[in-house]
């Protein structure tokens, strides 16, 4: 069993079969989205502001808050 899912997905993306590569890219996106959500949740739990998180992600505060803040899981003040 693969212990590093990112490494396995990277190998699959670089495979010879383009359909398998596309499927791996889609899975890679889902995994990255999951990892981002976890990191944002951790950052908020440790007191990071939406502005700090947005800067780290290279996005606007509004975009990050819209994506991650509407779930009622985080305090909303900045």
N, C-alpha and C. Protein backbone atom coordinates (compact mmCIF):
# COMPACT_ATOMS: atom_id res chain seq x y z
N UNK A 1 0.85 -1.18 0.00
CA UNK A 1 0.00 0.00 0.00
C UNK A 1 0.89 1.24 0.00
N UNK A 2 0.48 2.26 -0.74
CA UNK A 2 1.24 3.50 -0.88
C UNK A 2 1.10 4.35 0.38
N UNK A 3 2.24 4.76 0.94
CA UNK A 3 2.21 5.59 2.15
C UNK A 3 2.18 7.08 1.83
N UNK A 4 2.54 7.45 0.63
CA UNK A 4 2.56 8.84 0.22
C UNK A 4 1.62 9.02 -0.96
N UNK A 5 0.37 9.42 -0.69
CA UNK A 5 -0.59 9.53 -1.79
C UNK A 5 -0.20 10.57 -2.83
N UNK A 6 0.48 11.63 -2.43
CA UNK A 6 0.90 12.65 -3.38
C UNK A 6 1.92 12.07 -4.36
N UNK A 7 2.88 11.30 -3.85
CA UNK A 7 3.87 10.67 -4.72
C UNK A 7 3.20 9.70 -5.70
N UNK A 8 2.25 8.93 -5.21
CA UNK A 8 1.53 7.99 -6.08
C UNK A 8 0.75 8.73 -7.16
N UNK A 9 0.08 9.83 -6.78
CA UNK A 9 -0.66 10.61 -7.76
C UNK A 9 0.27 11.25 -8.78
N UNK A 10 1.42 11.71 -8.33
CA UNK A 10 2.40 12.31 -9.25
C UNK A 10 2.85 11.28 -10.29
N UNK A 11 3.12 10.07 -9.84
CA UNK A 11 3.51 9.02 -10.79
C UNK A 11 2.37 8.73 -11.76
N UNK A 12 1.15 8.70 -11.26
CA UNK A 12 0.00 8.41 -12.12
C UNK A 12 -0.22 9.54 -13.13
N UNK A 13 -0.01 10.78 -12.72
CA UNK A 13 -0.17 11.91 -13.63
C UNK A 13 0.83 11.81 -14.78
N UNK A 14 2.01 11.31 -14.48
CA UNK A 14 3.06 11.20 -15.49
C UNK A 14 3.03 9.88 -16.26
N UNK A 15 1.97 9.11 -16.09
CA UNK A 15 1.84 7.83 -16.78
C UNK A 15 1.65 8.05 -18.28
N UNK A 16 1.86 6.99 -19.03
CA UNK A 16 1.74 7.06 -20.49
C UNK A 16 0.30 7.22 -20.97
N UNK A 17 -0.65 6.68 -20.23
CA UNK A 17 -2.06 6.73 -20.64
C UNK A 17 -2.67 8.07 -20.23
N UNK A 18 -3.06 8.90 -21.21
CA UNK A 18 -3.58 10.22 -20.86
C UNK A 18 -4.90 10.18 -20.08
N UNK A 19 -5.72 9.17 -20.29
CA UNK A 19 -6.98 9.07 -19.54
C UNK A 19 -6.68 8.79 -18.07
N UNK A 20 -5.75 7.89 -17.81
CA UNK A 20 -5.35 7.64 -16.42
C UNK A 20 -4.70 8.87 -15.82
N UNK A 21 -3.93 9.60 -16.60
CA UNK A 21 -3.32 10.84 -16.13
C UNK A 21 -4.39 11.86 -15.73
N UNK A 22 -5.42 11.99 -16.56
CA UNK A 22 -6.50 12.93 -16.25
C UNK A 22 -7.25 12.53 -14.98
N UNK A 23 -7.49 11.25 -14.82
CA UNK A 23 -8.15 10.78 -13.60
C UNK A 23 -7.28 11.07 -12.37
N UNK A 24 -5.98 10.89 -12.52
CA UNK A 24 -5.06 11.18 -11.41
C UNK A 24 -5.04 12.67 -11.09
N UNK A 25 -5.11 13.51 -12.13
CA UNK A 25 -5.14 14.96 -11.92
C UNK A 25 -6.40 15.35 -11.15
N UNK A 26 -7.53 14.77 -11.50
CA UNK A 26 -8.78 15.05 -10.78
C UNK A 26 -8.66 14.64 -9.32
N UNK A 27 -8.08 13.48 -9.07
CA UNK A 27 -7.89 13.02 -7.69
C UNK A 27 -6.90 13.92 -6.96
N UNK A 28 -5.86 14.37 -7.66
CA UNK A 28 -4.88 15.29 -7.09
C UNK A 28 -5.57 16.57 -6.63
N UNK A 29 -6.46 17.10 -7.47
CA UNK A 29 -7.21 18.31 -7.11
C UNK A 29 -8.03 18.10 -5.84
N UNK A 30 -8.71 16.96 -5.76
CA UNK A 30 -9.51 16.67 -4.57
C UNK A 30 -8.63 16.58 -3.33
N UNK A 31 -7.49 15.91 -3.46
CA UNK A 31 -6.58 15.77 -2.32
C UNK A 31 -6.01 17.12 -1.90
N UNK A 32 -5.63 17.95 -2.86
CA UNK A 32 -5.11 19.28 -2.53
C UNK A 32 -6.18 20.14 -1.87
N UNK A 33 -7.42 20.04 -2.33
CA UNK A 33 -8.51 20.80 -1.71
C UNK A 33 -8.72 20.35 -0.27
N UNK A 34 -8.64 19.05 -0.04
CA UNK A 34 -8.78 18.53 1.32
C UNK A 34 -7.64 19.03 2.19
N UNK A 35 -6.42 18.97 1.68
CA UNK A 35 -5.25 19.43 2.44
C UNK A 35 -5.35 20.92 2.74
N UNK A 36 -5.82 21.70 1.76
CA UNK A 36 -5.99 23.14 1.98
C UNK A 36 -7.00 23.41 3.08
N UNK A 37 -8.13 22.71 3.04
CA UNK A 37 -9.16 22.91 4.06
C UNK A 37 -8.64 22.58 5.46
N UNK A 38 -7.88 21.51 5.57
CA UNK A 38 -7.30 21.13 6.86
C UNK A 38 -6.33 22.21 7.34
N UNK A 39 -5.48 22.70 6.44
CA UNK A 39 -4.50 23.71 6.82
C UNK A 39 -5.19 25.02 7.22
N UNK A 40 -6.23 25.40 6.51
CA UNK A 40 -6.98 26.61 6.87
C UNK A 40 -7.63 26.44 8.23
N UNK A 41 -8.24 25.30 8.46
CA UNK A 41 -8.87 25.02 9.75
C UNK A 41 -7.86 25.10 10.89
N UNK A 42 -6.67 24.52 10.66
CA UNK A 42 -5.61 24.56 11.67
C UNK A 42 -5.13 25.99 11.91
N UNK A 43 -4.96 26.74 10.82
CA UNK A 43 -4.51 28.13 10.95
C UNK A 43 -5.52 28.95 11.75
N UNK A 44 -6.79 28.80 11.43
CA UNK A 44 -7.82 29.54 12.17
C UNK A 44 -7.84 29.14 13.62
N UNK A 45 -7.71 27.83 13.90
CA UNK A 45 -7.72 27.35 15.28
C UNK A 45 -6.54 27.91 16.08
N UNK A 46 -5.45 28.23 15.37
CA UNK A 46 -4.27 28.78 16.04
C UNK A 46 -4.28 30.31 16.03
N UNK A 47 -5.38 30.91 15.58
CA UNK A 47 -5.55 32.35 15.67
C UNK A 47 -5.17 33.15 14.45
N UNK A 48 -4.87 32.52 13.34
CA UNK A 48 -4.54 33.26 12.12
C UNK A 48 -5.76 33.98 11.60
N UNK A 49 -5.55 35.17 11.06
CA UNK A 49 -6.66 35.94 10.48
C UNK A 49 -6.90 35.48 9.04
N UNK A 50 -8.09 35.84 8.53
CA UNK A 50 -8.39 35.53 7.14
C UNK A 50 -7.41 36.24 6.22
N UNK A 51 -6.95 37.43 6.62
CA UNK A 51 -5.99 38.19 5.82
C UNK A 51 -4.67 37.44 5.72
N UNK A 52 -4.20 36.89 6.83
CA UNK A 52 -2.95 36.12 6.83
C UNK A 52 -3.07 34.86 5.98
N UNK A 53 -4.19 34.18 6.13
CA UNK A 53 -4.42 32.95 5.36
C UNK A 53 -4.48 33.27 3.87
N UNK A 54 -5.20 34.33 3.53
CA UNK A 54 -5.33 34.74 2.12
C UNK A 54 -3.97 35.06 1.53
N UNK A 55 -3.14 35.77 2.28
CA UNK A 55 -1.80 36.12 1.79
C UNK A 55 -0.97 34.85 1.55
N UNK A 56 -1.06 33.91 2.45
CA UNK A 56 -0.31 32.66 2.30
C UNK A 56 -0.75 31.88 1.06
N UNK A 57 -2.03 31.96 0.74
CA UNK A 57 -2.57 31.24 -0.42
C UNK A 57 -2.50 32.05 -1.70
N UNK A 58 -2.12 33.32 -1.60
CA UNK A 58 -2.06 34.17 -2.79
C UNK A 58 -3.43 34.52 -3.33
N UNK A 59 -4.41 34.63 -2.44
CA UNK A 59 -5.78 34.93 -2.82
C UNK A 59 -6.28 36.14 -2.05
N UNK A 60 -7.45 36.64 -2.42
CA UNK A 60 -8.04 37.73 -1.65
C UNK A 60 -8.67 37.15 -0.38
N UNK A 61 -8.77 38.02 0.63
CA UNK A 61 -9.41 37.61 1.88
C UNK A 61 -10.85 37.17 1.60
N UNK A 62 -11.53 37.89 0.72
CA UNK A 62 -12.92 37.56 0.41
C UNK A 62 -13.03 36.17 -0.23
N UNK A 63 -12.12 35.85 -1.13
CA UNK A 63 -12.17 34.54 -1.80
C UNK A 63 -11.93 33.41 -0.80
N UNK A 64 -10.97 33.61 0.08
CA UNK A 64 -10.68 32.56 1.07
C UNK A 64 -11.82 32.42 2.06
N UNK A 65 -12.36 33.53 2.51
CA UNK A 65 -13.46 33.47 3.46
C UNK A 65 -14.69 32.84 2.83
N UNK A 66 -14.95 33.16 1.56
CA UNK A 66 -16.09 32.56 0.86
C UNK A 66 -15.93 31.04 0.75
N UNK A 67 -14.71 30.61 0.44
CA UNK A 67 -14.46 29.18 0.25
C UNK A 67 -14.44 28.42 1.57
N UNK A 68 -13.84 29.00 2.60
CA UNK A 68 -13.62 28.25 3.84
C UNK A 68 -14.38 28.77 5.06
N UNK A 69 -14.92 29.97 4.98
CA UNK A 69 -15.51 30.57 6.17
C UNK A 69 -16.98 30.40 6.33
N UNK A 70 -17.68 29.97 5.30
CA UNK A 70 -19.12 29.89 5.36
C UNK A 70 -19.66 28.63 6.00
N UNK A 71 -18.80 27.85 6.60
CA UNK A 71 -19.24 26.57 7.15
C UNK A 71 -19.63 26.66 8.62
N UNK A 72 -19.48 27.86 9.22
CA UNK A 72 -19.83 28.01 10.62
C UNK A 72 -18.85 27.34 11.56
N UNK A 73 -17.69 26.96 11.06
CA UNK A 73 -16.71 26.25 11.88
C UNK A 73 -15.69 27.19 12.49
N UNK A 74 -15.63 28.42 11.98
CA UNK A 74 -14.59 29.34 12.41
C UNK A 74 -15.21 30.63 12.90
N UNK A 75 -14.48 31.30 13.76
CA UNK A 75 -14.92 32.63 14.13
C UNK A 75 -14.76 33.53 12.91
N UNK A 76 -15.61 34.50 12.73
CA UNK A 76 -15.59 35.28 11.50
C UNK A 76 -14.89 36.62 11.64
N UNK A 77 -14.63 37.09 12.85
CA UNK A 77 -13.92 38.36 12.94
C UNK A 77 -12.48 38.19 12.49
N UNK A 78 -11.89 39.28 12.02
CA UNK A 78 -10.54 39.22 11.48
C UNK A 78 -9.59 39.91 12.36
